[in-house]
Amino acid sequence: MANQRFAFGPRNYRLMFIGLALLAAGFITMTLDTTEYGEGFLGITLGPLLLFAGFVVEFFAIMAKSGNVTEAAPTTVAAPNTFTPAAPATPAAPAEPTRPTYKRP
């Protein structure tokens, strides 16, 4: 279990939680608007701006390269260079088309 790897690094998860907090703050801000139908500053301007910022942070958190994840390089054994070309293959004659097995009405 000591070799357990996660999909993202700590930086990515931190950014995801910040994005989720911005999204929650945006939705809460829109619900706090006291004007009719939420057409005040909180419901139309500040809330959607917080939501947009939250989605941008979430996108960046997913797409950002995590710096702490180290991938092990695959080990390969070099084979000796003993390449011998094979004889050219002769093309096979195309097979004859078969008749369909179903019967038309």
C-alpha atoms as a PDB file:
ATOM      1  CA  MET A   1       0.000   0.000   0.000  1.00  0.00           C
ATOM      2  CA  ALA A   2       2.980   2.310   0.236  1.00  0.00           C
ATOM      3  CA  ASN A   3       3.101   2.584  -3.566  1.00  0.00           C
ATOM      4  CA  GLN A   4      -0.467   3.904  -3.851  1.00  0.00           C
ATOM      5  CA  ARG A   5      -0.864   6.583  -6.538  1.00  0.00           C
ATOM      6  CA  PHE A   6      -3.741   8.999  -6.873  1.00  0.00           C
ATOM      7  CA  ALA A   7      -5.043  10.467 -10.109  1.00  0.00           C
ATOM      8  CA  PHE A   8      -4.081  14.002  -9.091  1.00  0.00           C
ATOM      9  CA  GLY A   9      -1.431  15.568  -6.903  1.00  0.00           C
ATOM     10  CA  PRO A  10      -2.005  17.583  -3.724  1.00  0.00           C
ATOM     11  CA  ARG A  11      -1.961  20.849  -5.666  1.00  0.00           C
ATOM     12  CA  ASN A  12      -4.773  19.647  -7.912  1.00  0.00           C
ATOM     13  CA  TYR A  13      -6.942  18.578  -4.985  1.00  0.00           C
ATOM     14  CA  ARG A  14      -6.330  21.889  -3.215  1.00  0.00           C
ATOM     15  CA  LEU A  15      -7.432  23.764  -6.342  1.00  0.00           C
ATOM     16  CA  MET A  16     -10.499  21.520  -6.651  1.00  0.00           C
ATOM     17  CA  PHE A  17     -11.580  22.336  -3.109  1.00  0.00           C
ATOM     18  CA  ILE A  18     -11.041  26.059  -3.755  1.00  0.00           C
ATOM     19  CA  GLY A  19     -13.167  25.755  -6.902  1.00  0.00           C
ATOM     20  CA  LEU A  20     -15.906  23.940  -4.991  1.00  0.00           C
ATOM     21  CA  ALA A  21     -15.848  26.662  -2.331  1.00  0.00           C
ATOM     22  CA  LEU A  22     -16.209  29.334  -5.036  1.00  0.00           C
ATOM     23  CA  LEU A  23     -19.111  27.438  -6.587  1.00  0.00           C
ATOM     24  CA  ALA A  24     -20.847  27.101  -3.238  1.00  0.00           C
ATOM     25  CA  ALA A  25     -20.236  30.788  -2.498  1.00  0.00           C
ATOM     26  CA  GLY A  26     -21.726  31.723  -5.879  1.00  0.00           C
ATOM     27  CA  PHE A  27     -24.903  29.724  -5.347  1.00  0.00           C
ATOM     28  CA  ILE A  28     -25.286  30.969  -1.788  1.00  0.00           C
ATOM     29  CA  THR A  29     -24.713  34.563  -2.940  1.00  0.00           C
ATOM     30  CA  MET A  30     -27.443  34.225  -5.549  1.00  0.00           C
ATOM     31  CA  THR A  31     -29.907  32.933  -2.965  1.00  0.00           C
ATOM     32  CA  LEU A  32     -29.144  35.801  -0.577  1.00  0.00           C
ATOM     33  CA  ASP A  33     -30.435  38.420  -3.006  1.00  0.00           C
ATOM     34  CA  THR A  34     -33.508  40.042  -1.460  1.00  0.00           C
ATOM     35  CA  THR A  35     -34.853  41.832  -4.532  1.00  0.00           C
ATOM     36  CA  GLU A  36     -37.784  40.453  -6.486  1.00  0.00           C
ATOM     37  CA  TYR A  37     -36.842  37.439  -8.683  1.00  0.00           C
ATOM     38  CA  GLY A  38     -33.183  37.805  -7.688  1.00  0.00           C
ATOM     39  CA  GLU A  39     -32.582  40.700 -10.042  1.00  0.00           C
ATOM     40  CA  GLY A  40     -30.306  42.658  -7.708  1.00  0.00           C
ATOM     41  CA  PHE A  41     -26.541  42.971  -7.700  1.00  0.00           C
ATOM     42  CA  LEU A  42     -26.022  39.753  -5.757  1.00  0.00           C
ATOM     43  CA  GLY A  43     -28.256  37.589  -7.938  1.00  0.00           C
ATOM     44  CA  ILE A  44     -27.307  38.895 -11.364  1.00  0.00           C
ATOM     45  CA  THR A  45     -23.701  40.074 -11.049  1.00  0.00           C
ATOM     46  CA  LEU A  46     -21.738  38.807  -8.059  1.00  0.00           C
ATOM     47  CA  GLY A  47     -23.169  35.276  -7.861  1.00  0.00           C
ATOM     48  CA  PRO A  48     -22.615  34.399 -11.536  1.00  0.00           C
ATOM     49  CA  LEU A  49     -19.096  35.885 -11.410  1.00  0.00           C
ATOM     50  CA  LEU A  50     -18.270  33.641  -8.457  1.00  0.00           C
ATOM     51  CA  LEU A  51     -19.726  30.655 -10.304  1.00  0.00           C
ATOM     52  CA  PHE A  52     -17.706  31.418 -13.422  1.00  0.00           C
ATOM     53  CA  ALA A  53     -14.528  31.789 -11.338  1.00  0.00           C
ATOM     54  CA  GLY A  54     -15.298  28.476  -9.618  1.00  0.00           C
ATOM     55  CA  PHE A  55     -15.711  26.649 -12.928  1.00  0.00           C
ATOM     56  CA  VAL A  56     -12.481  28.164 -14.267  1.00  0.00           C
ATOM     57  CA  VAL A  57     -10.607  27.050 -11.150  1.00  0.00           C
ATOM     58  CA  GLU A  58     -12.116  23.550 -11.446  1.00  0.00           C
ATOM     59  CA  PHE A  59     -11.064  23.307 -15.095  1.00  0.00           C
ATOM     60  CA  PHE A  60      -7.547  24.442 -14.230  1.00  0.00           C
ATOM     61  CA  ALA A  61      -7.404  21.988 -11.298  1.00  0.00           C
ATOM     62  CA  ILE A  62      -8.211  19.096 -13.611  1.00  0.00           C
ATOM     63  CA  MET A  63      -5.946  20.147 -16.464  1.00  0.00           C
ATOM     64  CA  ALA A  64      -2.932  21.323 -14.426  1.00  0.00           C
ATOM     65  CA  LYS A  65       0.016  18.983 -14.287  1.00  0.00           C
ATOM     66  CA  SER A  66       0.703  17.808 -10.771  1.00  0.00           C
ATOM     67  CA  GLY A  67       4.307  18.303  -9.771  1.00  0.00           C
ATOM     68  CA  ASN A  68       4.595  15.642  -7.061  1.00  0.00           C
ATOM     69  CA  VAL A  69       3.574  12.583  -9.066  1.00  0.00           C
ATOM     70  CA  THR A  70       6.628  10.703 -10.290  1.00  0.00           C
ATOM     71  CA  GLU A  71       6.185   8.022 -12.874  1.00  0.00           C
ATOM     72  CA  ALA A  72       8.619   5.154 -12.962  1.00  0.00           C
ATOM     73  CA  ALA A  73      10.377   4.783 -16.277  1.00  0.00           C
ATOM     74  CA  PRO A  74       9.843   1.364 -17.808  1.00  0.00           C
ATOM     75  CA  THR A  75      12.959  -0.754 -17.892  1.00  0.00           C
ATOM     76  CA  THR A  76      13.754  -2.306 -21.226  1.00  0.00           C
ATOM     77  CA  VAL A  77      16.401  -4.813 -22.129  1.00  0.00           C
ATOM     78  CA  ALA A  78      18.225  -3.976 -25.327  1.00  0.00           C
ATOM     79  CA  ALA A  79      18.208  -6.873 -27.751  1.00  0.00           C
ATOM     80  CA  PRO A  80      21.254  -7.437 -29.927  1.00  0.00           C
ATOM     81  CA  ASN A  81      20.961  -6.001 -33.413  1.00  0.00           C
ATOM     82  CA  THR A  82      20.441  -9.190 -35.422  1.00  0.00           C
ATOM     83  CA  PHE A  83      17.873  -8.108 -37.970  1.00  0.00           C
ATOM     84  CA  THR A  84      17.545 -10.390 -40.975  1.00  0.00           C
ATOM     85  CA  PRO A  85      15.127  -9.336 -43.674  1.00  0.00           C
ATOM     86  CA  ALA A  86      12.468 -11.891 -44.516  1.00  0.00           C
ATOM     87  CA  ALA A  87      11.673 -12.928 -48.049  1.00  0.00           C
ATOM     88  CA  PRO A  88       9.010 -10.734 -49.643  1.00  0.00           C
ATOM     89  CA  ALA A  89       5.572 -12.246 -49.268  1.00  0.00           C
ATOM     90  CA  THR A  90       3.668 -12.972 -52.441  1.00  0.00           C
ATOM     91  CA  PRO A  91       0.206 -11.467 -52.498  1.00  0.00           C
ATOM     92  CA  ALA A  92      -2.554 -14.023 -52.157  1.00  0.00           C
ATOM     93  CA  ALA A  93      -5.269 -14.179 -54.774  1.00  0.00           C
ATOM     94  CA  PRO A  94      -8.509 -12.538 -53.641  1.00  0.00           C
ATOM     95  CA  ALA A  95     -11.101 -14.986 -52.422  1.00  0.00           C
ATOM     96  CA  GLU A  96     -14.174 -15.459 -54.543  1.00  0.00           C
ATOM     97  CA  PRO A  97     -17.256 -13.746 -53.182  1.00  0.00           C
ATOM     98  CA  THR A  98     -19.678 -16.079 -51.466  1.00  0.00           C
ATOM     99  CA  ARG A  99     -23.369 -16.037 -52.087  1.00  0.00           C
ATOM    100  CA  PRO A 100     -25.556 -14.701 -49.295  1.00  0.00           C
ATOM    101  CA  THR A 101     -27.162 -17.283 -47.066  1.00  0.00           C
ATOM    102  CA  TYR A 102     -30.505 -15.505 -46.795  1.00  0.00           C
ATOM    103  CA  LYS A 103     -33.250 -15.726 -49.381  1.00  0.00           C
ATOM    104  CA  ARG A 104     -35.065 -12.687 -50.652  1.00  0.00           C
ATOM    105  CA  PRO A 105     -38.860 -12.822 -50.546  1.00  0.00           C
END
